[in-house]
Amino acid sequence: MATIKDIANKAQVSAATVSRVLNYDETMSVSAETRSRIFKIAEELNYVKHTKNKKQNPTQPLEKRLAIIQWYTEQEEVNDLYYYAIRLGIEKQAHQLGYEITRIFHNDSLQKAKQADGVIAIGKYSANEIKNIATLNANLVFVDDKTLEQGYNCVVSDFDGAVKTALDHFLQHEQTKIGLLAGEEKTADQSNSLIDPRFSIFKKYLSTLKLYNSRYVYVGKFSPESGYQMMKQALQELGDELPQAFFIANDAIAVGALRALQESQIAVPERVSLISFNDTSLAKYSFPALSSIKVFTEQMGRSAVMLLDSISKYEKETPEMITLGTKLILRDSCL
């Protein structure tokens, strides 16, 4: 049976670090990458947390079971700090409330969700997938997918306010030629392509100000490689007409775009300002450091658990949506 020491040796950290991470110690100063590595190794080694023997209290309810459904595969989640942080928030809050957790990845069977007391689904799902999950378990909350109109509880971030905040910052510095690097995703079953909601908000807001220019908009994938290619294309197509600023749909795209600008010796932020989205560790440690919209991913996860817990305790006649605010973190990539 695997021990904390086994995990520590494989993760190349101390046993104390492993113990505190696995016990969701919020005072522990450790990077998201290290946390992810420790949890992944613990699962690979089938680590089972030991608890002290307690006398069974017949009036005490049995431990509740929570199923977390993820639209990513396990490997994809390792490479995406955004969805990893949401899951971490779910697990921290669930641990505090006494839930036993079952994780279900995109390529796993969903049948485990039937035995759970509640389900939290992270990511983007098609209408058919949503209905299928709902038939397995009625106590259901979606995270990062706006499912209220379909009749399901959800937790989302305020994309509308976030995009407008970033654009207003550019406009306050008289940067009226603004470009967009957006991402395109598909639902977990690959049946539907999803228009980036930031793109829709960006277009609508600038159109009302008569400042929208479709030539300044590029759509790719949510990756550094795609960000690099999109910015290279913009440089080739627009030349001296390159916008004064770009709003970028996530930090990974922004890192690639920044590299393309630096290769072309385009000064950031003097010639082109950048504001990205998510505020992961990539933003803080790039050069120059990226200004970014901070999304409170762990709080999204915690809120989903609290919402699910309230569904279990009270009979609610209508679904609820929790919308969390965001915050613009200003660093060196914009004026």
C-alpha atoms as a PDB file:
ATOM      1  CA  MET A   1       0.000   0.000   0.000  1.00  0.00           C
ATOM      2  CA  ALA A   2       1.380   3.422  -0.997  1.00  0.00           C
ATOM      3  CA  THR A   3       2.533   5.822   1.713  1.00  0.00           C
ATOM      4  CA  ILE A   4       3.029   9.585   1.887  1.00  0.00           C
ATOM      5  CA  LYS A   5       6.775   8.916   1.688  1.00  0.00           C
ATOM      6  CA  ASP A   6       6.311   7.034  -1.603  1.00  0.00           C
ATOM      7  CA  ILE A   7       4.422   9.988  -3.064  1.00  0.00           C
ATOM      8  CA  ALA A   8       7.025  12.439  -1.761  1.00  0.00           C
ATOM      9  CA  ASN A   9       9.887  10.485  -3.353  1.00  0.00           C
ATOM     10  CA  LYS A  10       8.184  10.356  -6.734  1.00  0.00           C
ATOM     11  CA  ALA A  11       7.070  14.017  -6.612  1.00  0.00           C
ATOM     12  CA  GLN A  12      10.516  15.121  -5.349  1.00  0.00           C
ATOM     13  CA  VAL A  13       9.085  17.084  -2.441  1.00  0.00           C
ATOM     14  CA  SER A  14       9.069  16.569   1.310  1.00  0.00           C
ATOM     15  CA  ALA A  15       6.654  14.199   3.060  1.00  0.00           C
ATOM     16  CA  ALA A  16       5.350  17.178   5.041  1.00  0.00           C
ATOM     17  CA  THR A  17       4.475  18.974   1.795  1.00  0.00           C
ATOM     18  CA  VAL A  18       2.593  15.923   0.507  1.00  0.00           C
ATOM     19  CA  SER A  19       0.686  15.557   3.776  1.00  0.00           C
ATOM     20  CA  ARG A  20      -0.394  19.198   3.835  1.00  0.00           C
ATOM     21  CA  VAL A  21      -1.411  19.218   0.144  1.00  0.00           C
ATOM     22  CA  LEU A  22      -3.471  16.027   0.484  1.00  0.00           C
ATOM     23  CA  ASN A  23      -5.177  17.510   3.539  1.00  0.00           C
ATOM     24  CA  TYR A  24      -6.054  20.702   1.601  1.00  0.00           C
ATOM     25  CA  ASP A  25      -3.996  22.963   3.865  1.00  0.00           C
ATOM     26  CA  GLU A  26      -4.746  26.436   2.448  1.00  0.00           C
ATOM     27  CA  THR A  27      -1.831  27.988   4.361  1.00  0.00           C
ATOM     28  CA  MET A  28       0.601  25.828   2.393  1.00  0.00           C
ATOM     29  CA  SER A  29       2.617  27.913  -0.085  1.00  0.00           C
ATOM     30  CA  VAL A  30       3.083  25.650  -3.092  1.00  0.00           C
ATOM     31  CA  SER A  31       2.555  26.139  -6.825  1.00  0.00           C
ATOM     32  CA  ALA A  32      -0.505  24.839  -8.675  1.00  0.00           C
ATOM     33  CA  GLU A  33       1.784  22.641 -10.762  1.00  0.00           C
ATOM     34  CA  THR A  34       3.209  20.969  -7.630  1.00  0.00           C
ATOM     35  CA  ARG A  35      -0.270  20.438  -6.145  1.00  0.00           C
ATOM     36  CA  SER A  36      -1.431  18.878  -9.408  1.00  0.00           C
ATOM     37  CA  ARG A  37       1.629  16.609  -9.548  1.00  0.00           C
ATOM     38  CA  ILE A  38       1.103  15.392  -5.958  1.00  0.00           C
ATOM     39  CA  PHE A  39      -2.593  14.575  -6.500  1.00  0.00           C
ATOM     40  CA  LYS A  40      -1.821  12.835  -9.805  1.00  0.00           C
ATOM     41  CA  ILE A  41       0.920  10.663  -8.245  1.00  0.00           C
ATOM     42  CA  ALA A  42      -1.336   9.837  -5.273  1.00  0.00           C
ATOM     43  CA  GLU A  43      -3.978   8.558  -7.680  1.00  0.00           C
ATOM     44  CA  GLU A  44      -1.420   6.624  -9.758  1.00  0.00           C
ATOM     45  CA  LEU A  45      -0.191   4.878  -6.596  1.00  0.00           C
ATOM     46  CA  ASN A  46      -3.768   4.272  -5.340  1.00  0.00           C
ATOM     47  CA  TYR A  47      -2.972   6.108  -2.132  1.00  0.00           C
ATOM     48  CA  VAL A  48      -5.664   5.742   0.550  1.00  0.00           C
ATOM     49  CA  LYS A  49      -5.778   8.301   3.356  1.00  0.00           C
ATOM     50  CA  HIS A  50      -5.798   6.698   6.789  1.00  0.00           C
ATOM     51  CA  THR A  51      -8.107   8.045   9.467  1.00  0.00           C
ATOM     52  CA  LYS A  52      -8.037   7.448  13.193  1.00  0.00           C
ATOM     53  CA  ASN A  53     -10.409   4.800  14.454  1.00  0.00           C
ATOM     54  CA  LYS A  54     -13.559   6.297  15.926  1.00  0.00           C
ATOM     55  CA  LYS A  55     -16.460   4.671  17.703  1.00  0.00           C
ATOM     56  CA  GLN A  56     -19.397   4.486  15.355  1.00  0.00           C
ATOM     57  CA  ASN A  57     -22.162   6.864  16.331  1.00  0.00           C
ATOM     58  CA  PRO A  58     -25.465   5.295  15.187  1.00  0.00           C
ATOM     59  CA  THR A  59     -27.074   8.744  14.915  1.00  0.00           C
ATOM     60  CA  GLN A  60     -24.292  10.133  12.715  1.00  0.00           C
ATOM     61  CA  PRO A  61     -25.055   9.942   8.974  1.00  0.00           C
ATOM     62  CA  LEU A  62     -22.751   8.024   6.661  1.00  0.00           C
ATOM     63  CA  GLU A  63     -20.212  10.010   4.623  1.00  0.00           C
ATOM     64  CA  LYS A  64     -21.794  11.690   1.617  1.00  0.00           C
ATOM     65  CA  ARG A  65     -20.558  10.898  -1.861  1.00  0.00           C
ATOM     66  CA  LEU A  66     -19.815  13.521  -4.522  1.00  0.00           C
ATOM     67  CA  ALA A  67     -19.084  12.715  -8.167  1.00  0.00           C
ATOM     68  CA  ILE A  68     -17.031  15.243 -10.143  1.00  0.00           C
ATOM     69  CA  ILE A  69     -17.531  14.904 -13.897  1.00  0.00           C
ATOM     70  CA  GLN A  70     -14.832  16.569 -16.019  1.00  0.00           C
ATOM     71  CA  TRP A  71     -15.179  17.294 -19.714  1.00  0.00           C
ATOM     72  CA  TYR A  72     -11.408  16.872 -20.101  1.00  0.00           C
ATOM     73  CA  THR A  73      -9.395  13.669 -20.054  1.00  0.00           C
ATOM     74  CA  GLU A  74      -7.002  13.321 -17.126  1.00  0.00           C
ATOM     75  CA  GLN A  75      -4.013  14.350 -19.261  1.00  0.00           C
ATOM     76  CA  GLU A  76      -5.800  17.402 -20.652  1.00  0.00           C
ATOM     77  CA  GLU A  77      -6.630  18.567 -17.132  1.00  0.00           C
ATOM     78  CA  VAL A  78      -2.970  18.306 -16.104  1.00  0.00           C
ATOM     79  CA  ASN A  79      -2.150  20.740 -18.920  1.00  0.00           C
ATOM     80  CA  ASP A  80      -4.910  23.233 -18.058  1.00  0.00           C
ATOM     81  CA  LEU A  81      -4.507  25.137 -14.793  1.00  0.00           C
ATOM     82  CA  TYR A  82      -7.919  26.799 -15.203  1.00  0.00           C
ATOM     83  CA  TYR A  83      -9.976  23.620 -14.850  1.00  0.00           C
ATOM     84  CA  TYR A  84      -7.504  22.115 -12.401  1.00  0.00           C
ATOM     85  CA  ALA A  85      -8.035  25.105 -10.070  1.00  0.00           C
ATOM     86  CA  ILE A  86     -11.830  24.731 -10.281  1.00  0.00           C
ATOM     87  CA  ARG A  87     -11.551  21.065  -9.301  1.00  0.00           C
ATOM     88  CA  LEU A  88      -9.197  21.915  -6.447  1.00  0.00           C
ATOM     89  CA  GLY A  89     -11.777  24.392  -5.104  1.00  0.00           C
ATOM     90  CA  ILE A  90     -14.480  21.720  -5.311  1.00  0.00           C
ATOM     91  CA  GLU A  91     -12.372  19.166  -3.477  1.00  0.00           C
ATOM     92  CA  LYS A  92     -11.319  21.571  -0.714  1.00  0.00           C
ATOM     93  CA  GLN A  93     -14.921  22.523   0.081  1.00  0.00           C
ATOM     94  CA  ALA A  94     -16.212  18.980  -0.320  1.00  0.00           C
ATOM     95  CA  HIS A  95     -13.535  17.718   2.065  1.00  0.00           C
ATOM     96  CA  GLN A  96     -14.629  20.260   4.687  1.00  0.00           C
ATOM     97  CA  LEU A  97     -18.254  19.162   4.359  1.00  0.00           C
ATOM     98  CA  GLY A  98     -17.414  15.476   4.694  1.00  0.00           C
ATOM     99  CA  TYR A  99     -17.916  14.325   1.107  1.00  0.00           C
ATOM    100  CA  GLU A 100     -16.183  11.281  -0.315  1.00  0.00           C
ATOM    101  CA  ILE A 101     -15.121  12.179  -3.871  1.00  0.00           C
ATOM    102  CA  THR A 102     -15.300  10.169  -7.088  1.00  0.00           C
ATOM    103  CA  ARG A 103     -13.708  11.685 -10.186  1.00  0.00           C
ATOM    104  CA  ILE A 104     -15.112  10.855 -13.624  1.00  0.00           C
ATOM    105  CA  PHE A 105     -13.142  11.982 -16.677  1.00  0.00           C
ATOM    106  CA  HIS A 106     -14.479  12.533 -20.182  1.00  0.00           C
ATOM    107  CA  ASN A 107     -13.355   9.099 -21.368  1.00  0.00           C
ATOM    108  CA  ASP A 108     -14.786   7.259 -18.296  1.00  0.00           C
ATOM    109  CA  SER A 109     -18.204   5.681 -17.807  1.00  0.00           C
ATOM    110  CA  LEU A 110     -20.736   8.024 -16.185  1.00  0.00           C
ATOM    111  CA  GLN A 111     -22.496   5.218 -14.322  1.00  0.00           C
ATOM    112  CA  LYS A 112     -20.608   6.018 -11.097  1.00  0.00           C
ATOM    113  CA  ALA A 113     -22.650   9.227 -10.905  1.00  0.00           C
ATOM    114  CA  LYS A 114     -25.761   7.154 -10.136  1.00  0.00           C
ATOM    115  CA  GLN A 115     -24.443   6.100  -6.730  1.00  0.00           C
ATOM    116  CA  ALA A 116     -23.402   9.634  -5.673  1.00  0.00           C
ATOM    117  CA  ASP A 117     -25.433  11.939  -3.437  1.00  0.00           C
ATOM    118  CA  GLY A 118     -24.698  14.755  -5.841  1.00  0.00           C
ATOM    119  CA  VAL A 119     -22.829  15.574  -9.059  1.00  0.00           C
ATOM    120  CA  ILE A 120     -20.747  18.582 -10.114  1.00  0.00           C
ATOM    121  CA  ALA A 121     -19.938  18.712 -13.840  1.00  0.00           C
ATOM    122  CA  ILE A 122     -17.003  20.914 -14.907  1.00  0.00           C
ATOM    123  CA  GLY A 123     -16.744  22.229 -18.459  1.00  0.00           C
ATOM    124  CA  LYS A 124     -18.848  22.519 -21.598  1.00  0.00           C
ATOM    125  CA  TYR A 125     -21.474  19.953 -22.561  1.00  0.00           C
ATOM    126  CA  SER A 126     -23.926  19.512 -25.422  1.00  0.00           C
ATOM    127  CA  ALA A 127     -27.678  19.507 -24.775  1.00  0.00           C
ATOM    128  CA  ASN A 128     -27.739  15.714 -25.118  1.00  0.00           C
ATOM    129  CA  GLU A 129     -24.888  15.267 -22.640  1.00  0.00           C
ATOM    130  CA  ILE A 130     -26.578  17.560 -20.119  1.00  0.00           C
ATOM    131  CA  LYS A 131     -29.818  15.572 -20.333  1.00  0.00           C
ATOM    132  CA  ASN A 132     -27.907  12.303 -20.008  1.00  0.00           C
ATOM    133  CA  ILE A 133     -26.075  13.476 -16.878  1.00  0.00           C
ATOM    134  CA  ALA A 134     -29.343  14.759 -15.399  1.00  0.00           C
ATOM    135  CA  THR A 135     -31.018  11.351 -15.850  1.00  0.00           C
ATOM    136  CA  LEU A 136     -28.244   9.775 -13.761  1.00  0.00           C
ATOM    137  CA  ASN A 137     -28.528  12.155 -10.814  1.00  0.00           C
ATOM    138  CA  ALA A 138     -31.008  14.942 -10.051  1.00  0.00           C
ATOM    139  CA  ASN A 139     -28.686  16.714  -7.569  1.00  0.00           C
ATOM    140  CA  LEU A 140     -26.591  18.415 -10.180  1.00  0.00           C
ATOM    141  CA  VAL A 141     -24.549  21.603 -10.595  1.00  0.00           C
ATOM    142  CA  PHE A 142     -22.591  22.679 -13.680  1.00  0.00           C
ATOM    143  CA  VAL A 143     -19.456  24.825 -13.386  1.00  0.00           C
ATOM    144  CA  ASP A 144     -18.252  27.118 -16.194  1.00  0.00           C
ATOM    145  CA  ASP A 145     -21.296  26.326 -18.334  1.00  0.00           C
ATOM    146  CA  LYS A 146     -24.355  28.584 -18.347  1.00  0.00           C
ATOM    147  CA  THR A 147     -27.113  25.991 -18.034  1.00  0.00           C
ATOM    148  CA  LEU A 148     -29.791  28.000 -16.206  1.00  0.00           C
ATOM    149  CA  GLU A 149     -31.950  28.448 -19.321  1.00  0.00           C
ATOM    150  CA  GLN A 150     -31.910  24.676 -19.772  1.00  0.00           C
ATOM    151  CA  GLY A 151     -33.199  24.255 -16.229  1.00  0.00           C
ATOM    152  CA  TYR A 152     -30.023  23.296 -14.383  1.00  0.00           C
ATOM    153  CA  ASN A 153     -28.054  24.854 -11.541  1.00  0.00           C
ATOM    154  CA  CYS A 154     -24.734  26.420 -12.481  1.00  0.00           C
ATOM    155  CA  VAL A 155     -21.788  28.541 -11.349  1.00  0.00           C
ATOM    156  CA  VAL A 156     -20.190  30.909 -13.866  1.00  0.00           C
ATOM    157  CA  SER A 157     -17.969  33.992 -14.003  1.00  0.00           C
ATOM    158  CA  ASP A 158     -19.087  37.444 -15.124  1.00  0.00           C
ATOM    159  CA  PHE A 159     -17.608  37.408 -18.634  1.00  0.00           C
ATOM    160  CA  ASP A 160     -19.680  40.412 -19.687  1.00  0.00           C
ATOM    161  CA  GLY A 161     -18.281  42.697 -17.004  1.00  0.00           C
ATOM    162  CA  ALA A 162     -14.770  41.293 -17.426  1.00  0.00           C
ATOM    163  CA  VAL A 163     -14.525  42.023 -21.151  1.00  0.00           C
ATOM    164  CA  LYS A 164     -15.976  45.508 -20.775  1.00  0.00           C
ATOM    165  CA  THR A 165     -13.517  46.292 -17.958  1.00  0.00           C
ATOM    166  CA  ALA A 166     -10.563  45.343 -20.157  1.00  0.00           C
ATOM    167  CA  LEU A 167     -11.872  47.335 -23.143  1.00  0.00           C
ATOM    168  CA  ASP A 168     -12.637  50.365 -20.979  1.00  0.00           C
ATOM    169  CA  HIS A 169      -9.045  50.321 -19.738  1.00  0.00           C
ATOM    170  CA  PHE A 170      -7.761  50.509 -23.309  1.00  0.00           C
ATOM    171  CA  LEU A 171     -10.213  53.261 -24.186  1.00  0.00           C
ATOM    172  CA  GLN A 172      -9.226  55.315 -21.127  1.00  0.00           C
ATOM    173  CA  HIS A 173      -5.699  55.356 -22.552  1.00  0.00           C
ATOM    174  CA  GLU A 174      -7.003  56.500 -25.956  1.00  0.00           C
ATOM    175  CA  GLN A 175      -6.384  53.097 -27.534  1.00  0.00           C
ATOM    176  CA  THR A 176      -9.368  52.862 -29.856  1.00  0.00           C
ATOM    177  CA  LYS A 177      -7.964  50.345 -32.346  1.00  0.00           C
ATOM    178  CA  ILE A 178      -8.420  47.117 -30.400  1.00  0.00           C
ATOM    179  CA  GLY A 179      -7.884  43.561 -31.605  1.00  0.00           C
ATOM    180  CA  LEU A 180      -9.013  40.212 -30.236  1.00  0.00           C
ATOM    181  CA  LEU A 181      -7.354  36.803 -30.067  1.00  0.00           C
ATOM    182  CA  ALA A 182     -10.112  34.350 -29.172  1.00  0.00           C
ATOM    183  CA  GLY A 183     -10.324  30.591 -28.724  1.00  0.00           C
ATOM    184  CA  GLU A 184     -12.736  28.021 -30.076  1.00  0.00           C
ATOM    185  CA  GLU A 185     -13.791  24.911 -28.180  1.00  0.00           C
ATOM    186  CA  LYS A 186     -16.050  21.918 -28.708  1.00  0.00           C
ATOM    187  CA  THR A 187     -18.442  20.261 -26.290  1.00  0.00           C
ATOM    188  CA  ALA A 188     -17.172  17.156 -24.516  1.00  0.00           C
ATOM    189  CA  ASP A 189     -18.793  14.874 -27.127  1.00  0.00           C
ATOM    190  CA  GLN A 190     -17.296  16.985 -29.961  1.00  0.00           C
ATOM    191  CA  SER A 191     -20.800  17.512 -31.397  1.00  0.00           C
ATOM    192  CA  ASN A 192     -20.907  21.319 -31.169  1.00  0.00           C
ATOM    193  CA  SER A 193     -18.373  24.075 -31.746  1.00  0.00           C
ATOM    194  CA  LEU A 194     -18.664  26.785 -29.115  1.00  0.00           C
ATOM    195  CA  ILE A 195     -18.371  30.481 -29.918  1.00  0.00           C
ATOM    196  CA  ASP A 196     -16.140  32.112 -27.323  1.00  0.00           C
ATOM    197  CA  PRO A 197     -18.539  34.269 -25.247  1.00  0.00           C
ATOM    198  CA  ARG A 198     -15.749  36.850 -24.917  1.00  0.00           C
ATOM    199  CA  PHE A 199     -15.853  37.248 -28.706  1.00  0.00           C
ATOM    200  CA  SER A 200     -19.608  37.953 -28.691  1.00  0.00           C
ATOM    201  CA  ILE A 201     -19.300  40.480 -25.855  1.00  0.00           C
ATOM    202  CA  PHE A 202     -16.246  42.136 -27.451  1.00  0.00           C
ATOM    203  CA  LYS A 203     -18.034  42.542 -30.790  1.00  0.00           C
ATOM    204  CA  LYS A 204     -21.279  43.861 -29.310  1.00  0.00           C
ATOM    205  CA  TYR A 205     -19.610  46.369 -26.975  1.00  0.00           C
ATOM    206  CA  LEU A 206     -17.220  47.856 -29.540  1.00  0.00           C
ATOM    207  CA  SER A 207     -19.948  47.895 -32.198  1.00  0.00           C
ATOM    208  CA  THR A 208     -22.098  50.133 -29.997  1.00  0.00           C
ATOM    209  CA  LEU A 209     -19.125  52.528 -29.851  1.00  0.00           C
ATOM    210  CA  LYS A 210     -18.564  52.183 -33.624  1.00  0.00           C
ATOM    211  CA  LEU A 211     -15.059  50.856 -32.939  1.00  0.00           C
ATOM    212  CA  TYR A 212     -15.400  47.208 -33.968  1.00  0.00           C
ATOM    213  CA  ASN A 213     -13.179  46.100 -36.858  1.00  0.00           C
ATOM    214  CA  SER A 214     -13.465  42.471 -37.967  1.00  0.00           C
ATOM    215  CA  ARG A 215      -9.962  42.641 -39.500  1.00  0.00           C
ATOM    216  CA  TYR A 216      -8.555  42.850 -35.982  1.00  0.00           C
ATOM    217  CA  VAL A 217     -10.170  39.589 -34.817  1.00  0.00           C
ATOM    218  CA  TYR A 218      -8.473  36.183 -34.932  1.00  0.00           C
ATOM    219  CA  VAL A 219      -9.825  32.869 -33.663  1.00  0.00           C
ATOM    220  CA  GLY A 220      -7.744  29.784 -32.861  1.00  0.00           C
ATOM    221  CA  LYS A 221      -7.195  27.339 -30.018  1.00  0.00           C
ATOM    222  CA  PHE A 222      -6.574  27.972 -26.331  1.00  0.00           C
ATOM    223  CA  SER A 223      -2.844  27.271 -26.530  1.00  0.00           C
ATOM    224  CA  PRO A 224       0.467  29.178 -26.707  1.00  0.00           C
ATOM    225  CA  GLU A 225       1.135  27.703 -30.154  1.00  0.00           C
ATOM    226  CA  SER A 226      -2.174  29.036 -31.477  1.00  0.00           C
ATOM    227  CA  GLY A 227      -1.556  32.441 -29.875  1.00  0.00           C
ATOM    228  CA  TYR A 228       1.820  32.627 -31.588  1.00  0.00           C
ATOM    229  CA  GLN A 229       0.334  31.714 -34.991  1.00  0.00           C
ATOM    230  CA  MET A 230      -2.580  34.154 -34.656  1.00  0.00           C
ATOM    231  CA  MET A 231      -0.287  37.067 -33.794  1.00  0.00           C
ATOM    232  CA  LYS A 232       2.134  36.156 -36.606  1.00  0.00           C
ATOM    233  CA  GLN A 233      -0.817  36.207 -38.996  1.00  0.00           C
ATOM    234  CA  ALA A 234      -1.934  39.586 -37.658  1.00  0.00           C
ATOM    235  CA  LEU A 235       1.561  41.001 -38.116  1.00  0.00           C
ATOM    236  CA  GLN A 236       1.731  39.744 -41.704  1.00  0.00           C
ATOM    237  CA  GLU A 237      -1.771  40.859 -42.694  1.00  0.00           C
ATOM    238  CA  LEU A 238      -1.983  44.191 -40.871  1.00  0.00           C
ATOM    239  CA  GLY A 239       1.599  45.456 -40.904  1.00  0.00           C
ATOM    240  CA  ASP A 240       1.654  49.088 -39.824  1.00  0.00           C
ATOM    241  CA  GLU A 241      -2.122  48.911 -39.240  1.00  0.00           C
ATOM    242  CA  LEU A 242      -1.646  46.540 -36.301  1.00  0.00           C
ATOM    243  CA  PRO A 243      -4.050  47.592 -33.498  1.00  0.00           C
ATOM    244  CA  GLN A 244      -2.837  49.572 -30.512  1.00  0.00           C
ATOM    245  CA  ALA A 245      -4.104  46.880 -28.128  1.00  0.00           C
ATOM    246  CA  PHE A 246      -5.299  43.280 -28.005  1.00  0.00           C
ATOM    247  CA  PHE A 247      -7.728  41.623 -25.629  1.00  0.00           C
ATOM    248  CA  ILE A 248      -6.761  37.933 -25.420  1.00  0.00           C
ATOM    249  CA  ALA A 249      -9.084  35.112 -24.355  1.00  0.00           C
ATOM    250  CA  ASN A 250      -6.660  33.327 -22.022  1.00  0.00           C
ATOM    251  CA  ASP A 251      -3.123  33.511 -20.654  1.00  0.00           C
ATOM    252  CA  ALA A 252      -1.838  30.616 -22.745  1.00  0.00           C
ATOM    253  CA  ILE A 253      -2.805  32.366 -26.000  1.00  0.00           C
ATOM    254  CA  ALA A 254      -1.282  35.598 -24.668  1.00  0.00           C
ATOM    255  CA  VAL A 255       2.089  33.972 -23.941  1.00  0.00           C
ATOM    256  CA  GLY A 256       2.328  32.790 -27.555  1.00  0.00           C
ATOM    257  CA  ALA A 257       1.212  36.175 -28.907  1.00  0.00           C
ATOM    258  CA  LEU A 258       3.798  37.937 -26.750  1.00  0.00           C
ATOM    259  CA  ARG A 259       6.552  35.759 -28.183  1.00  0.00           C
ATOM    260  CA  ALA A 260       5.487  36.606 -31.752  1.00  0.00           C
ATOM    261  CA  LEU A 261       5.535  40.338 -30.962  1.00  0.00           C
ATOM    262  CA  GLN A 262       8.980  40.082 -29.366  1.00  0.00           C
ATOM    263  CA  GLU A 263      10.382  38.193 -32.353  1.00  0.00           C
ATOM    264  CA  SER A 264       9.179  41.033 -34.573  1.00  0.00           C
ATOM    265  CA  GLN A 265      10.634  43.610 -32.159  1.00  0.00           C
ATOM    266  CA  ILE A 266       7.210  45.124 -31.462  1.00  0.00           C
ATOM    267  CA  ALA A 267       7.419  46.949 -28.114  1.00  0.00           C
ATOM    268  CA  VAL A 268       4.926  45.883 -25.437  1.00  0.00           C
ATOM    269  CA  PRO A 269       3.167  47.944 -24.118  1.00  0.00           C
ATOM    270  CA  GLU A 270       4.585  51.020 -25.909  1.00  0.00           C
ATOM    271  CA  ARG A 271       3.384  49.945 -29.397  1.00  0.00           C
ATOM    272  CA  VAL A 272       0.873  47.227 -28.500  1.00  0.00           C
ATOM    273  CA  SER A 273      -0.857  46.712 -25.152  1.00  0.00           C
ATOM    274  CA  LEU A 274      -2.097  43.290 -24.068  1.00  0.00           C
ATOM    275  CA  ILE A 275      -4.702  42.204 -21.524  1.00  0.00           C
ATOM    276  CA  SER A 276      -5.353  38.482 -21.172  1.00  0.00           C
ATOM    277  CA  PHE A 277      -7.853  36.387 -19.229  1.00  0.00           C
ATOM    278  CA  ASN A 278      -7.751  33.941 -16.253  1.00  0.00           C
ATOM    279  CA  ASP A 279      -4.649  35.278 -14.428  1.00  0.00           C
ATOM    280  CA  THR A 280      -2.912  31.924 -14.031  1.00  0.00           C
ATOM    281  CA  SER A 281       0.757  31.710 -13.008  1.00  0.00           C
ATOM    282  CA  LEU A 282       1.662  32.079 -16.700  1.00  0.00           C
ATOM    283  CA  ALA A 283       0.571  35.722 -16.592  1.00  0.00           C
ATOM    284  CA  LYS A 284       2.652  36.666 -13.572  1.00  0.00           C
ATOM    285  CA  TYR A 285       5.881  35.049 -14.762  1.00  0.00           C
ATOM    286  CA  SER A 286       5.906  35.999 -18.441  1.00  0.00           C
ATOM    287  CA  PHE A 287       8.088  38.900 -19.605  1.00  0.00           C
ATOM    288  CA  PRO A 288       6.786  41.494 -19.553  1.00  0.00           C
ATOM    289  CA  ALA A 289       4.305  40.294 -16.923  1.00  0.00           C
ATOM    290  CA  LEU A 290       0.817  40.087 -18.416  1.00  0.00           C
ATOM    291  CA  SER A 291      -2.069  42.208 -17.277  1.00  0.00           C
ATOM    292  CA  SER A 292      -4.952  39.770 -16.939  1.00  0.00           C
ATOM    293  CA  ILE A 293      -8.558  39.422 -15.840  1.00  0.00           C
ATOM    294  CA  LYS A 294      -8.492  37.341 -12.658  1.00  0.00           C
ATOM    295  CA  VAL A 295     -11.131  34.619 -12.601  1.00  0.00           C
ATOM    296  CA  PHE A 296     -11.705  33.225  -9.125  1.00  0.00           C
ATOM    297  CA  THR A 297     -11.584  29.593 -10.191  1.00  0.00           C
ATOM    298  CA  GLU A 298     -11.192  28.006  -6.756  1.00  0.00           C
ATOM    299  CA  GLN A 299     -14.123  30.065  -5.490  1.00  0.00           C
ATOM    300  CA  MET A 300     -16.179  28.802  -8.442  1.00  0.00           C
ATOM    301  CA  GLY A 301     -15.491  25.265  -7.240  1.00  0.00           C
ATOM    302  CA  ARG A 302     -16.286  26.068  -3.616  1.00  0.00           C
ATOM    303  CA  SER A 303     -19.520  27.833  -4.607  1.00  0.00           C
ATOM    304  CA  ALA A 304     -20.599  24.804  -6.653  1.00  0.00           C
ATOM    305  CA  VAL A 305     -20.243  22.536  -3.612  1.00  0.00           C
ATOM    306  CA  MET A 306     -22.180  24.948  -1.381  1.00  0.00           C
ATOM    307  CA  LEU A 307     -24.942  25.203  -3.990  1.00  0.00           C
ATOM    308  CA  LEU A 308     -25.100  21.419  -4.324  1.00  0.00           C
ATOM    309  CA  ASP A 309     -25.189  21.014  -0.554  1.00  0.00           C
ATOM    310  CA  SER A 310     -28.125  23.427  -0.297  1.00  0.00           C
ATOM    311  CA  ILE A 311     -29.989  21.493  -3.012  1.00  0.00           C
ATOM    312  CA  SER A 312     -29.572  18.331  -0.949  1.00  0.00           C
ATOM    313  CA  LYS A 313     -30.887  19.994   2.222  1.00  0.00           C
ATOM    314  CA  TYR A 314     -33.797  22.021   0.848  1.00  0.00           C
ATOM    315  CA  GLU A 315     -36.440  21.308  -1.756  1.00  0.00           C
ATOM    316  CA  LYS A 316     -36.006  24.028  -4.363  1.00  0.00           C
ATOM    317  CA  GLU A 317     -38.611  24.739  -6.987  1.00  0.00           C
ATOM    318  CA  THR A 318     -36.334  26.512  -9.445  1.00  0.00           C
ATOM    319  CA  PRO A 319     -32.699  26.186 -10.567  1.00  0.00           C
ATOM    320  CA  GLU A 320     -30.132  28.759  -9.457  1.00  0.00           C
ATOM    321  CA  MET A 321     -27.169  30.416 -11.123  1.00  0.00           C
ATOM    322  CA  ILE A 322     -24.268  31.889  -9.148  1.00  0.00           C
ATOM    323  CA  THR A 323     -22.266  34.493 -11.065  1.00  0.00           C
ATOM    324  CA  LEU A 324     -18.899  35.428  -9.606  1.00  0.00           C
ATOM    325  CA  GLY A 325     -17.204  38.733 -10.289  1.00  0.00           C
ATOM    326  CA  THR A 326     -13.732  39.120 -11.812  1.00  0.00           C
ATOM    327  CA  LYS A 327     -10.881  41.576 -11.306  1.00  0.00           C
ATOM    328  CA  LEU A 328      -8.471  43.281 -13.704  1.00  0.00           C
ATOM    329  CA  ILE A 329      -4.902  42.740 -12.497  1.00  0.00           C
ATOM    330  CA  LEU A 330      -2.656  45.388 -14.054  1.00  0.00           C
ATOM    331  CA  ARG A 331       0.958  44.471 -14.736  1.00  0.00           C
ATOM    332  CA  ASP A 332       3.499  45.478 -17.395  1.00  0.00           C
ATOM    333  CA  SER A 333       1.827  44.484 -20.680  1.00  0.00           C
ATOM    334  CA  CYS A 334      -0.565  47.419 -20.947  1.00  0.00           C
ATOM    335  CA  LEU A 335      -0.428  51.165 -20.459  1.00  0.00           C
END
